C-alpha cells in the first residue's frame, strides 16, 4: 500500500511527464492524457488516504462516502 506522501510524489511525477509530453509531437499527446489521468488518480488516492482502493468499485464507494454533496 502506498502512503499519502507516495501518492503525492507519483502525482507530481506524472504532472512533470505531462509537461514534457504535451510539448512534444502530436503523436505523443495520448501519453500526455494518460499522465494526467494517473496524476488525478494519485491525487484522489492521496485524498482518500489512509484507506487504499483495491478496485475501481472500492475507490468509487470510498470517494462517494467522503465527498457526498
Protein backbone atom coordinates (compact mmCIF):
# COMPACT_ATOMS: atom_id res chain seq x y z
CA UNK A 1 0.00 0.00 0.00
CA UNK A 2 1.27 3.46 -0.85
CA UNK A 3 1.36 6.26 1.67
CA UNK A 4 -0.22 9.65 1.12
CA UNK A 5 3.26 11.07 0.50
CA UNK A 6 3.99 8.40 -2.13
CA UNK A 7 0.71 9.13 -3.93
CA UNK A 8 1.53 12.84 -4.00
CA UNK A 9 5.02 12.10 -5.32
CA UNK A 10 3.61 9.91 -8.11
CA UNK A 11 1.06 12.59 -8.98
CA UNK A 12 3.79 15.21 -9.22
CA UNK A 13 5.94 12.91 -11.38
CA UNK A 14 3.01 12.40 -13.73
CA UNK A 15 2.49 16.18 -13.85
CA UNK A 16 6.12 16.62 -14.94
CA UNK A 17 5.74 13.88 -17.56
CA UNK A 18 2.62 15.68 -18.83
CA UNK A 19 4.59 18.91 -19.23
CA UNK A 20 7.20 17.07 -21.30
CA UNK A 21 4.81 15.08 -23.49
CA UNK A 22 2.30 17.88 -24.08
CA UNK A 23 5.02 19.99 -25.73
CA UNK A 24 6.10 17.17 -27.98
CA UNK A 25 4.90 15.88 -31.28
CA UNK A 26 1.16 15.33 -31.74
CA UNK A 27 1.86 11.60 -31.90
CA UNK A 28 2.78 11.72 -28.20
CA UNK A 29 -0.27 13.62 -26.99
CA UNK A 30 -2.03 10.42 -25.93
CA UNK A 31 0.75 9.93 -23.35
CA UNK A 32 0.04 13.43 -22.04
CA UNK A 33 -3.59 12.44 -21.48
CA UNK A 34 -2.58 9.18 -19.81
CA UNK A 35 -0.21 11.01 -17.48
CA UNK A 36 -2.97 13.48 -16.49
CA UNK A 37 -5.32 10.58 -15.75
CA UNK A 38 -2.81 8.88 -13.45
CA UNK A 39 -1.88 12.17 -11.83
CA UNK A 40 -5.54 12.75 -10.97
CA UNK A 41 -5.89 9.18 -9.74
CA UNK A 42 -2.94 9.60 -7.36
CA UNK A 43 -4.32 12.91 -6.08
CA UNK A 44 -7.64 11.16 -5.35
CA UNK A 45 -5.86 8.29 -3.60
CA UNK A 46 -3.84 10.79 -1.54
CA UNK A 47 -7.08 12.49 -0.53
CA UNK A 48 -8.65 9.18 0.45
CA UNK A 49 -5.62 8.10 2.49
CA UNK A 50 -5.32 6.18 4.83
CA UNK A 51 -7.81 3.90 3.09
CA UNK A 52 -6.47 2.34 -0.09
CA UNK A 53 -8.58 1.32 -3.04
CA UNK A 54 -8.16 -2.26 -4.14
CA UNK A 55 -10.51 -1.91 -7.13
CA UNK A 56 -12.41 0.67 -9.16
CA UNK A 57 -15.61 -0.14 -7.27
CA UNK A 58 -13.84 0.22 -3.92
CA UNK A 59 -12.45 3.61 -4.95
CA UNK A 60 -15.87 4.75 -6.11
CA UNK A 61 -17.54 3.76 -2.84
CA UNK A 62 -14.83 5.39 -0.78
CA UNK A 63 -14.98 8.59 -2.79
CA UNK A 64 -18.80 8.71 -2.67
CA UNK A 65 -18.90 8.20 1.09
CA UNK A 66 -16.40 11.01 1.77
CA UNK A 67 -17.48 13.59 -0.77
CA UNK A 68 -21.27 13.43 -0.84
CA UNK A 69 -22.93 16.69 -1.78
